[in-house]
Amino acid sequence: MDYPLLTNLNEPQMSRPHHDRGSGPAPSLVPSTEVDADAADAAEDEPEVRSLADAWQTFLRESKKLWWITAPIAFSILCLYGINSTTQIFAGHLGNLELSAVAIGLSVISNFSFGFLLGMGSALETLCGQAYGAGQVDKLGIYMQRSWIILTTSAILMCPLYIFATPVLKLIGQDPEIADAAGRFAIAIIPQLFALAINFPAQKFLQAQSKVFVLACIGFAALLLHIALLFLFLFGFGWGVIGAAAAYDISQWAVSIAQVVYIVRWCGDGWGAGLSWAAFRDLWAFVKLSLASAVMLCLEIWYMMVLVVLTGHLDNAEIAVGSISICMNINGWEGMVFIGISAAISVRVSNELGSARPRATKHAVAVVVATSLIIGLLFMFLILAARNHFPAIFTSDKELQRAVSNIAHLLGITMVLNSIQPVISGVAVGGGWQGLVAYINLACYYLIGLPLGFLLGYALQWGVQGIWVGMLMGTALQTCVLCHILWKTNWTAEAEQAYERVRLWGGEEKIVELGK
């Protein structure tokens, strides 16, 4: 059984000229009913793997392409995540209450909006990546501006979540003292919400063209700036949690402004038309694909966020929330590496599908899944080896350190599962499968994993470990389902669908309807 999402198999086959990825984008796509598409693809696509030697050469060749994109993206995302992580680290040395407040503010409130905006912005990975692979570079600037409009509007709609964070957290059972402190922090970080609305579309615009080294430079500079601001505001001025929020806002806006300046000044091909009223056309169709992307990623990001929320109902909530928050912080560092790999494979898949190279797409997917699994196992072994030592980085409280060490084995298992899952999501974004993956996430995470976690944690009184084990079962099931889909996918059909998508968003005949 195949899963060519959104594919119209009744459409005539198209032949598209192949281009060297290093020489710039491909020429425009030209329909042809006289040329055998399969023969053309066989001549232009990657050679078939017929032996172990072929497989090894393919692995090396694809790994080089993958890491050329992955390394700077992963470094950039690690630096940006470092802004979150260092904020929690500095707050943790102010006290357990401050750590819990900042952890809830970032892991629950901010992550809620982060996941939604990142998902909305990830529609650009599909559209910009496939348009770039097809040679439609002039469309990228318009796509980005549409995304800015949609994400800024979304940010405005999410402001009440920050403003009323305290009563919301109390309503879902959070400890009142932690909820009050987290609510004050949430209101103070509202400015970063609008920085993300600019950041994510600009980031996807650059990633689609493999202009990723500038993202790494901006991310590193922002991390250094953030650490300096934390020292100044927390220990120099003594502003406490509000100082951490101010540093967070400034650093996030510094990233967004730097990206926009680079795009306007040095991205002539994609930004050539400048600001355009064309960005306001076909907004609803763009919104539908953005919403499908947002639902897919939000269901993933919010899932582990729920783990932090549920621990707030346990006895000794301060220690429970603190221990889970530290583990989620470490897991987040590993997750940022795989989000980088996910972004890279999204670029590879969308570019290759846009260039009508299904076999190259399949090779890229196989290599990235194998590579990610190996990295995930390595991270697990490192966590298990350092389980009695790494908690001291986040807290000086001995009881909290022991609590973290007791659940470190679950963190290691989570790292293995989370090495494959986000990468497959990147493949889904590159191929435009967001709607399908959203349904899978909903079923595995929220209909199976979450009820199991609640049952084990509360009904069977296993506490933090029970909640986490149940939710890991949902993650494991989701990973297995997605791996099965990858195994069965017809990449030739997906390449044809990419052609139709470029036609649609290029303003030609609307053959397919996106976002379903």
Protein backbone atom coordinates (compact mmCIF):
# COMPACT_ATOMS: atom_id res chain seq x y z
CA MET A 1 0.00 0.00 0.00
CA ASP A 2 1.33 3.45 -0.91
CA TYR A 3 0.84 6.78 0.84
CA PRO A 4 1.22 9.46 -1.86
CA LEU A 5 -0.62 12.12 0.15
CA LEU A 6 -2.64 14.55 -1.95
CA THR A 7 -1.50 12.87 -5.15
CA ASN A 8 -3.77 12.95 -8.18
CA LEU A 9 -2.80 9.83 -10.08
CA ASN A 10 -5.06 10.73 -12.99
CA GLU A 11 -2.86 13.65 -13.99
CA PRO A 12 -0.52 13.16 -16.96
CA GLN A 13 3.13 12.43 -16.15
CA MET A 14 5.55 15.35 -16.37
CA SER A 15 9.18 15.43 -17.35
CA ARG A 16 11.35 17.99 -15.67
CA PRO A 17 14.92 18.96 -16.38
CA HIS A 18 17.45 17.94 -13.77
CA HIS A 19 19.94 20.45 -12.46
CA ASP A 20 23.14 20.35 -10.48
CA ARG A 21 22.33 21.46 -6.92
CA GLY A 22 25.61 23.30 -6.73
CA SER A 23 24.96 25.45 -9.78
CA GLY A 24 21.76 27.12 -8.57
CA PRO A 25 18.07 26.41 -8.96
CA ALA A 26 16.57 24.45 -11.78
CA PRO A 27 14.95 25.99 -14.80
CA SER A 28 11.17 26.27 -14.86
CA LEU A 29 9.14 23.09 -15.13
CA VAL A 30 7.75 22.27 -18.53
CA PRO A 31 4.90 19.77 -18.96
CA SER A 32 5.41 17.09 -21.55
CA THR A 33 3.06 14.34 -22.62
CA GLU A 34 5.44 13.10 -25.31
CA VAL A 35 8.35 12.12 -23.09
CA ASP A 36 8.28 9.04 -20.92
CA ALA A 37 8.69 10.44 -17.39
CA ASP A 38 10.01 7.19 -15.98
CA ALA A 39 12.75 7.02 -18.59
CA ALA A 40 13.67 10.63 -17.97
CA ASP A 41 13.79 10.09 -14.23
CA ALA A 42 15.93 6.97 -14.66
CA ALA A 43 18.44 8.97 -16.69
CA GLU A 44 18.53 11.94 -14.32
CA ASP A 45 17.95 10.33 -10.93
CA GLU A 46 20.41 8.63 -8.59
CA PRO A 47 21.55 5.15 -9.67
CA GLU A 48 19.91 2.12 -8.09
CA VAL A 49 21.60 0.36 -5.16
CA ARG A 50 22.47 -3.17 -6.31
CA SER A 51 25.17 -4.24 -3.82
CA LEU A 52 26.66 -3.47 -0.41
CA ALA A 53 29.36 -1.44 -2.13
CA ASP A 54 26.70 0.65 -3.87
CA ALA A 55 24.88 1.08 -0.56
CA TRP A 56 28.05 2.29 1.17
CA GLN A 57 28.86 4.75 -1.62
CA THR A 58 25.29 6.04 -1.52
CA PHE A 59 25.51 6.41 2.25
CA LEU A 60 28.74 8.42 2.01
CA ARG A 61 27.48 10.58 -0.85
CA GLU A 62 24.15 11.35 0.80
CA SER A 63 25.72 11.86 4.24
CA LYS A 64 27.99 14.54 2.79
CA LYS A 65 25.00 16.38 1.30
CA LEU A 66 22.96 15.95 4.47
CA TRP A 67 25.59 17.17 6.92
CA TRP A 68 26.58 20.09 4.73
CA ILE A 69 23.07 21.39 5.43
CA THR A 70 22.53 19.82 8.86
CA ALA A 71 25.65 21.04 10.67
CA PRO A 72 24.98 24.79 10.44
CA ILE A 73 21.21 24.38 10.95
CA ALA A 74 21.71 22.16 14.01
CA PHE A 75 24.32 24.54 15.41
CA SER A 76 21.98 27.47 14.86
CA ILE A 77 19.07 25.72 16.55
CA LEU A 78 21.28 24.57 19.43
CA CYS A 79 22.35 28.18 19.97
CA LEU A 80 18.74 29.36 19.93
CA TYR A 81 17.72 26.59 22.30
CA GLY A 82 20.64 27.64 24.44
CA ILE A 83 18.79 30.90 24.98
CA ASN A 84 15.96 28.90 26.60
CA SER A 85 18.26 26.56 28.46
CA THR A 86 20.60 29.19 29.90
CA THR A 87 17.56 31.16 31.05
CA GLN A 88 16.47 28.12 33.11
CA ILE A 89 20.01 27.47 34.34
CA PHE A 90 20.42 31.04 35.62
CA ALA A 91 16.94 30.99 37.17
CA GLY A 92 17.68 27.65 38.87
CA HIS A 93 20.51 29.25 40.82
CA LEU A 94 18.11 31.89 42.11
CA GLY A 95 16.00 29.19 43.82
CA ASN A 96 13.67 26.23 43.25
CA LEU A 97 10.59 28.45 42.94
CA GLU A 98 12.28 30.62 40.32
CA LEU A 99 13.40 27.51 38.41
CA SER A 100 9.87 26.09 38.43
CA ALA A 101 8.36 29.44 37.39
CA VAL A 102 10.71 29.89 34.44
CA ALA A 103 10.42 26.19 33.50
CA ILE A 104 6.61 26.40 33.43
CA GLY A 105 6.73 29.72 31.57
CA LEU A 106 9.07 28.38 28.89
CA SER A 107 8.08 24.69 28.79
CA VAL A 108 4.32 25.20 28.92
CA ILE A 109 3.23 28.73 27.99
CA SER A 110 6.05 29.68 25.61
CA ASN A 111 6.32 26.18 24.14
CA PHE A 112 2.60 26.25 23.37
CA SER A 113 3.01 29.32 21.16
CA PHE A 114 6.45 28.20 19.93
CA GLY A 115 5.00 24.93 18.64
CA PHE A 116 2.06 26.62 16.95
CA LEU A 117 4.13 29.33 15.25
CA LEU A 118 6.88 26.91 14.24
CA GLY A 119 4.24 24.64 12.73
CA MET A 120 2.58 27.51 10.87
CA GLY A 121 5.96 28.61 9.57
CA SER A 122 6.98 25.10 8.52
CA ALA A 123 4.54 25.27 5.60
CA LEU A 124 7.32 27.30 3.99
CA GLU A 125 9.61 24.28 4.15
CA THR A 126 7.27 22.43 1.80
CA LEU A 127 6.47 25.34 -0.52
CA CYS A 128 9.83 27.13 -0.64
CA GLY A 129 11.84 23.91 -0.82
CA GLN A 130 9.86 22.45 -3.70
CA ALA A 131 9.68 25.80 -5.53
CA TYR A 132 13.45 26.22 -5.19
CA GLY A 133 14.05 22.69 -6.46
CA ALA A 134 11.81 23.49 -9.44
CA GLY A 135 13.61 26.78 -10.19
CA GLN A 136 10.84 29.13 -9.02
CA VAL A 137 13.16 31.17 -6.78
CA ASP A 138 11.31 34.44 -7.39
CA LYS A 139 8.27 33.03 -5.53
CA LEU A 140 10.12 32.55 -2.23
CA GLY A 141 9.92 36.16 -1.06
CA ILE A 142 6.16 36.28 -1.60
CA TYR A 143 5.70 33.02 0.34
CA MET A 144 7.72 34.41 3.24
CA GLN A 145 5.71 37.63 3.36
CA ARG A 146 2.45 35.65 3.40
CA SER A 147 3.80 33.66 6.32
CA TRP A 148 4.78 36.86 8.18
CA ILE A 149 1.19 38.11 7.84
CA ILE A 150 -0.31 34.84 9.05
CA LEU A 151 2.12 34.30 11.94
CA THR A 152 1.86 37.88 13.22
CA THR A 153 -1.93 37.57 13.25
CA SER A 154 -1.57 34.25 15.10
CA ALA A 155 0.74 35.88 17.65
CA ILE A 156 -1.86 38.54 18.39
CA LEU A 157 -4.50 35.86 18.92
CA MET A 158 -2.25 34.00 21.37
CA CYS A 159 -1.50 37.00 23.60
CA PRO A 160 -4.41 36.21 26.00
CA LEU A 161 -2.70 32.90 26.83
CA TYR A 162 0.26 34.87 28.21
CA ILE A 163 -1.84 37.55 29.88
CA PHE A 164 -4.06 35.03 31.69
CA ALA A 165 -1.34 32.42 32.28
CA THR A 166 -1.76 32.45 36.07
CA PRO A 167 -5.49 31.56 36.16
CA VAL A 168 -5.02 29.04 33.34
CA LEU A 169 -2.23 27.25 35.22
CA LYS A 170 -4.30 27.24 38.42
CA LEU A 171 -7.29 25.92 36.49
CA ILE A 172 -5.33 22.90 35.27
CA GLY A 173 -4.17 22.20 38.83
CA GLN A 174 -0.75 23.80 38.99
CA ASP A 175 0.64 24.75 42.41
CA PRO A 176 -0.69 28.29 43.16
CA GLU A 177 2.68 29.74 44.17
CA ILE A 178 4.37 28.38 41.03
CA ALA A 179 1.42 29.53 38.87
CA ASP A 180 1.67 33.12 40.21
CA ALA A 181 5.40 33.33 39.52
CA ALA A 182 5.09 31.66 36.10
CA GLY A 183 2.26 34.03 35.15
CA ARG A 184 4.39 37.10 35.86
CA PHE A 185 7.21 35.64 33.78
CA ALA A 186 4.82 34.78 30.91
CA ILE A 187 3.51 38.36 30.66
CA ALA A 188 7.08 39.66 30.56
CA ILE A 189 8.01 37.47 27.57
CA ILE A 190 5.13 38.52 25.29
CA PRO A 191 7.52 40.54 23.03
CA GLN A 192 9.42 37.37 22.04
CA LEU A 193 6.16 35.95 20.68
CA PHE A 194 6.19 38.53 17.88
CA ALA A 195 9.91 37.99 17.31
CA LEU A 196 9.15 34.33 16.53
CA ALA A 197 6.50 35.39 14.00
CA ILE A 198 9.26 37.11 12.03
CA ASN A 199 11.99 34.59 12.83
CA PHE A 200 10.41 31.34 11.61
CA PRO A 201 9.41 32.42 8.07
CA ALA A 202 12.81 34.09 7.55
CA GLN A 203 14.52 30.94 8.80
CA LYS A 204 12.59 28.68 6.41
CA PHE A 205 13.23 31.08 3.52
CA LEU A 206 16.98 30.74 4.04
CA GLN A 207 16.92 27.01 4.73
CA ALA A 208 15.07 26.24 1.50
CA GLN A 209 17.98 27.78 -0.43
CA SER A 210 20.61 26.07 1.78
CA LYS A 211 21.77 29.49 3.00
CA VAL A 212 22.34 28.05 6.42
CA PHE A 213 25.76 29.27 7.53
CA VAL A 214 24.41 32.73 8.18
CA LEU A 215 21.81 31.17 10.50
CA ALA A 216 24.61 29.54 12.49
CA CYS A 217 26.48 32.84 12.83
CA ILE A 218 23.37 34.72 13.94
CA GLY A 219 22.43 32.01 16.44
CA PHE A 220 25.90 31.94 18.02
CA ALA A 221 26.05 35.73 18.32
CA ALA A 222 22.57 35.75 19.91
CA LEU A 223 23.56 33.11 22.49
CA LEU A 224 26.63 35.09 23.54
CA LEU A 225 24.50 38.23 23.79
CA HIS A 226 21.91 36.40 25.88
CA ILE A 227 24.44 35.04 28.39
CA ALA A 228 25.92 38.52 28.79
CA LEU A 229 22.46 40.01 29.35
CA LEU A 230 21.58 37.33 31.93
CA PHE A 231 24.72 38.10 33.93
CA LEU A 232 23.99 41.82 33.72
CA PHE A 233 20.27 41.74 34.51
CA LEU A 234 20.24 38.97 37.17
CA PHE A 235 23.52 39.49 39.01
CA GLY A 236 24.44 43.03 38.03
CA PHE A 237 21.06 44.74 38.39
CA GLY A 238 19.40 42.08 40.60
CA TRP A 239 16.20 42.01 38.54
CA GLY A 240 15.50 38.32 39.21
CA VAL A 241 12.98 36.50 37.02
CA ILE A 242 11.90 39.72 35.28
CA GLY A 243 15.53 40.30 34.28
CA ALA A 244 15.62 36.80 32.75
CA ALA A 245 12.48 37.66 30.75
CA ALA A 246 14.00 40.95 29.52
CA ALA A 247 17.16 39.16 28.35
CA TYR A 248 15.00 36.55 26.61
CA ASP A 249 12.99 39.19 24.72
CA ILE A 250 16.03 41.16 23.58
CA SER A 251 17.91 38.08 22.38
CA GLN A 252 14.97 36.73 20.37
CA TRP A 253 14.41 40.06 18.65
CA ALA A 254 18.12 40.34 17.86
CA VAL A 255 17.89 37.05 15.94
CA SER A 256 14.83 38.13 13.95
CA ILE A 257 16.20 41.54 13.00
CA ALA A 258 19.56 40.07 11.92
CA GLN A 259 17.83 37.51 9.66
CA VAL A 260 15.65 40.14 7.98
CA VAL A 261 18.62 42.44 7.39
CA TYR A 262 20.54 39.61 5.72
CA ILE A 263 17.57 38.67 3.52
CA VAL A 264 16.93 42.24 2.33
CA ARG A 265 20.60 43.01 1.75
CA TRP A 266 22.03 39.76 0.37
CA CYS A 267 19.18 37.58 -0.98
CA GLY A 268 18.50 39.30 -4.29
CA ASP A 269 17.05 36.27 -6.08
CA GLY A 270 14.41 35.41 -3.51
CA TRP A 271 13.79 38.95 -2.23
CA GLY A 272 14.18 40.71 -5.58
CA ALA A 273 10.59 42.01 -5.72
CA GLY A 274 10.76 43.39 -2.16
CA LEU A 275 7.55 43.98 -0.22
CA SER A 276 4.61 43.13 -2.43
CA TRP A 277 0.81 43.28 -2.29
CA ALA A 278 0.89 39.81 -3.88
CA ALA A 279 1.55 38.48 -0.38
CA PHE A 280 -2.11 39.20 0.47
CA ARG A 281 -3.43 37.01 -2.37
CA ASP A 282 -4.59 33.41 -1.80
CA LEU A 283 -4.06 33.82 1.95
CA TRP A 284 -6.78 31.35 2.88
CA ALA A 285 -5.25 28.50 0.88
CA PHE A 286 -1.90 29.32 2.47
CA VAL A 287 -3.52 29.39 5.91
CA LYS A 288 -4.93 25.89 5.38
CA LEU A 289 -1.53 24.37 4.64
CA SER A 290 -0.01 26.37 7.52
CA LEU A 291 -2.66 25.07 9.91
CA ALA A 292 -2.04 21.48 8.81
CA SER A 293 1.67 21.99 9.51
CA ALA A 294 0.92 23.66 12.84
CA VAL A 295 -1.35 20.86 14.03
CA MET A 296 1.23 18.23 13.09
CA LEU A 297 4.10 19.89 14.97
CA CYS A 298 2.02 21.17 17.88
CA LEU A 299 0.76 17.71 18.69
CA GLU A 300 4.41 16.62 18.92
CA ILE A 301 5.78 19.58 20.88
CA TRP A 302 2.84 19.87 23.28
CA TYR A 303 2.93 16.16 24.08
CA MET A 304 6.06 16.35 26.23
CA MET A 305 4.86 19.71 27.57
CA VAL A 306 1.88 17.84 29.05
CA LEU A 307 4.34 15.70 31.01
CA VAL A 308 5.50 18.81 32.89
CA VAL A 309 1.90 19.87 33.55
CA LEU A 310 0.82 16.46 34.90
CA THR A 311 3.69 16.36 37.39
CA GLY A 312 2.33 19.54 38.95
CA HIS A 313 -0.52 17.46 40.42
CA LEU A 314 1.79 15.05 42.26
CA ASP A 315 2.85 15.27 45.89
CA ASN A 316 5.91 17.49 46.47
CA ALA A 317 5.12 19.30 43.21
CA GLU A 318 8.18 21.56 43.39
CA ILE A 319 10.61 18.62 43.27
CA ALA A 320 8.50 16.73 40.70
CA VAL A 321 8.24 19.68 38.34
CA GLY A 322 11.88 20.59 38.85
CA SER A 323 13.16 17.06 38.10
CA ILE A 324 11.05 16.68 34.97
CA SER A 325 11.97 20.19 33.81
CA ILE A 326 15.68 19.41 34.09
CA CYS A 327 15.23 16.17 32.13
CA MET A 328 13.17 17.96 29.49
CA ASN A 329 15.87 20.61 29.26
CA ILE A 330 18.50 17.94 28.54
CA ASN A 331 16.13 16.18 26.16
CA GLY A 332 15.56 19.52 24.47
CA TRP A 333 19.27 19.91 23.75
CA GLU A 334 19.28 16.55 21.97
CA GLY A 335 15.97 17.43 20.35
CA MET A 336 17.48 20.57 18.87
CA VAL A 337 20.11 18.46 17.09
CA PHE A 338 17.37 16.36 15.54
CA ILE A 339 15.25 19.37 14.69
CA GLY A 340 18.32 20.54 12.78
CA ILE A 341 18.54 17.19 11.02
CA SER A 342 14.78 17.34 10.46
CA ALA A 343 15.09 20.75 8.81
CA ALA A 344 17.95 19.48 6.65
CA ILE A 345 16.09 16.38 5.45
CA SER A 346 13.05 18.55 4.79
CA VAL A 347 15.22 20.68 2.50
CA ARG A 348 16.71 17.58 0.83
CA VAL A 349 13.31 15.90 0.31
CA SER A 350 11.53 19.03 -0.95
CA ASN A 351 14.40 20.00 -3.26
CA GLU A 352 14.74 16.49 -4.73
CA LEU A 353 10.99 16.07 -5.17
CA GLY A 354 10.82 19.50 -6.81
CA SER A 355 13.62 18.37 -9.15
CA ALA A 356 11.75 15.12 -9.98
CA ARG A 357 14.34 12.77 -8.41
CA PRO A 358 12.35 10.16 -6.46
CA ARG A 359 15.20 7.67 -6.06
CA ALA A 360 17.48 10.39 -4.68
CA THR A 361 14.71 11.27 -2.24
CA LYS A 362 14.40 7.66 -1.08
CA HIS A 363 18.17 7.40 -0.56
CA ALA A 364 18.21 10.62 1.45
CA VAL A 365 15.43 9.34 3.72
CA ALA A 366 17.08 5.95 4.32
CA VAL A 367 20.42 7.54 5.21
CA VAL A 368 18.96 10.11 7.59
CA VAL A 369 16.91 7.53 9.53
CA ALA A 370 19.94 5.24 9.99
CA THR A 371 22.17 8.14 11.00
CA SER A 372 19.65 9.51 13.49
CA LEU A 373 19.20 6.15 15.21
CA ILE A 374 22.96 5.83 15.74
CA ILE A 375 23.16 9.34 17.21
CA GLY A 376 20.18 8.67 19.49
CA LEU A 377 21.82 5.53 20.92
CA LEU A 378 25.01 7.49 21.56
CA PHE A 379 23.09 10.15 23.50
CA MET A 380 21.37 7.47 25.58
CA PHE A 381 24.68 5.91 26.62
CA LEU A 382 26.09 9.33 27.57
CA ILE A 383 23.07 10.14 29.77
CA LEU A 384 23.21 6.79 31.55
CA ALA A 385 26.94 7.21 32.18
CA ALA A 386 26.51 10.75 33.57
CA ARG A 387 23.21 10.22 35.42
CA ASN A 388 24.71 11.09 38.84
CA HIS A 389 26.57 14.14 37.63
CA PHE A 390 24.61 16.25 35.11
CA PRO A 391 21.82 17.34 37.53
CA ALA A 392 24.36 19.52 39.40
CA ILE A 393 24.55 21.77 36.34
CA PHE A 394 20.95 22.86 36.91
CA THR A 395 20.52 22.90 40.69
CA SER A 396 22.43 22.91 43.96
CA ASP A 397 19.56 21.15 45.80
CA LYS A 398 20.66 17.58 46.70
CA GLU A 399 17.11 16.23 46.87
CA LEU A 400 16.34 17.54 43.40
CA GLN A 401 19.59 16.10 42.07
CA ARG A 402 18.64 12.63 43.39
CA ALA A 403 15.17 12.92 41.88
CA VAL A 404 16.68 13.63 38.45
CA SER A 405 19.14 10.73 38.73
CA ASN A 406 16.27 8.34 39.55
CA ILE A 407 14.49 9.04 36.25
CA ALA A 408 17.57 9.40 34.03
CA HIS A 409 17.01 5.95 32.48
CA LEU A 410 13.67 7.16 31.08
CA LEU A 411 15.43 10.20 29.68
CA GLY A 412 17.83 7.87 27.84
CA ILE A 413 14.97 5.87 26.29
CA THR A 414 13.25 9.11 25.31
CA MET A 415 16.38 10.25 23.53
CA VAL A 416 16.45 7.13 21.35
CA LEU A 417 12.79 7.46 20.36
CA ASN A 418 13.15 11.20 19.78
CA SER A 419 16.09 10.61 17.46
CA ILE A 420 13.86 9.11 14.75
CA GLN A 421 10.48 10.78 15.29
CA PRO A 422 11.40 14.43 14.46
CA VAL A 423 13.45 13.33 11.46
CA ILE A 424 10.47 11.50 9.98
CA SER A 425 8.41 14.62 10.64
CA GLY A 426 10.99 16.54 8.58
CA VAL A 427 10.44 14.09 5.72
CA ALA A 428 6.71 14.67 6.08
CA VAL A 429 7.14 18.44 5.87
CA GLY A 430 9.39 18.13 2.82
CA GLY A 431 6.84 15.93 1.10
CA GLY A 432 3.74 17.87 2.17
CA TRP A 433 2.26 15.09 4.34
CA GLN A 434 1.39 17.32 7.30
CA GLY A 435 -2.28 16.37 7.43
CA LEU A 436 -1.63 12.62 7.54
CA VAL A 437 1.01 12.91 10.27
CA ALA A 438 -1.29 15.15 12.32
CA TYR A 439 -3.90 12.36 12.49
CA ILE A 440 -1.24 9.82 13.46
CA ASN A 441 0.10 12.09 16.21
CA LEU A 442 -3.39 12.70 17.57
CA ALA A 443 -4.15 8.97 17.79
CA CYS A 444 -0.81 7.75 19.16
CA TYR A 445 -0.09 10.60 21.55
CA TYR A 446 -3.42 11.76 22.87
CA LEU A 447 -5.69 8.73 22.52
CA ILE A 448 -3.11 6.15 23.64
CA GLY A 449 0.02 7.64 25.22
CA LEU A 450 -1.56 10.31 27.42
CA PRO A 451 -4.30 8.08 28.92
CA LEU A 452 -1.67 5.39 29.61
CA GLY A 453 0.52 7.94 31.35
CA PHE A 454 -2.38 9.13 33.49
CA LEU A 455 -3.32 5.53 34.35
CA LEU A 456 0.21 4.48 35.35
CA GLY A 457 1.07 7.72 37.12
CA TYR A 458 -2.11 8.27 39.11
CA ALA A 459 -4.30 5.16 39.13
CA LEU A 460 -1.37 2.80 39.76
CA GLN A 461 0.49 5.49 41.75
CA TRP A 462 3.80 5.14 39.89
CA GLY A 463 4.26 8.89 40.06
CA VAL A 464 6.55 10.71 37.63
CA GLN A 465 7.97 7.49 36.19
CA GLY A 466 4.51 6.07 35.48
CA ILE A 467 3.39 9.20 33.62
CA TRP A 468 6.57 9.17 31.57
CA VAL A 469 6.44 5.43 30.74
CA GLY A 470 2.89 5.69 29.47
CA MET A 471 3.72 8.65 27.27
CA LEU A 472 6.81 6.86 25.91
CA MET A 473 4.53 4.03 24.76
CA GLY A 474 2.60 6.54 22.65
CA THR A 475 5.84 7.87 21.17
CA ALA A 476 7.05 4.35 20.35
CA LEU A 477 3.78 3.52 18.57
CA GLN A 478 3.88 6.76 16.57
CA THR A 479 7.47 6.06 15.49
CA CYS A 480 6.58 2.54 14.32
CA VAL A 481 3.61 3.80 12.29
CA LEU A 482 5.66 6.52 10.60
CA CYS A 483 8.47 4.08 9.78
CA HIS A 484 5.91 1.78 8.13
CA ILE A 485 4.61 4.69 6.06
CA LEU A 486 8.12 5.57 4.90
CA TRP A 487 8.70 1.96 3.89
CA LYS A 488 5.55 1.92 1.77
CA THR A 489 5.76 5.39 0.21
CA ASN A 490 5.74 5.68 -3.59
CA TRP A 491 8.36 8.41 -4.13
CA THR A 492 7.68 8.64 -7.87
CA ALA A 493 4.08 9.58 -7.13
CA GLU A 494 5.29 12.09 -4.52
CA ALA A 495 7.55 13.73 -7.13
CA GLU A 496 4.55 14.19 -9.43
CA GLN A 497 2.58 15.72 -6.57
CA ALA A 498 5.43 18.18 -5.94
CA TYR A 499 5.15 19.32 -9.56
CA GLU A 500 1.44 20.01 -9.16
CA ARG A 501 2.07 21.88 -5.90
CA VAL A 502 4.56 24.20 -7.60
CA ARG A 503 2.00 24.86 -10.37
CA LEU A 504 -0.65 25.72 -7.82
CA TRP A 505 1.49 28.11 -5.80
CA GLY A 506 2.97 29.58 -8.94
CA GLY A 507 -0.50 30.87 -9.76
CA GLU A 508 -1.29 28.29 -12.43
CA GLU A 509 -4.32 26.02 -12.64
CA LYS A 510 -5.36 24.82 -9.20
CA ILE A 511 -5.20 21.06 -9.63
CA VAL A 512 -4.84 19.99 -5.99
CA GLU A 513 -6.15 21.32 -2.76
CA LEU A 514 -3.55 21.64 -0.02
CA GLY A 515 -3.88 21.10 3.68
CA LYS A 516 -6.37 18.26 3.63
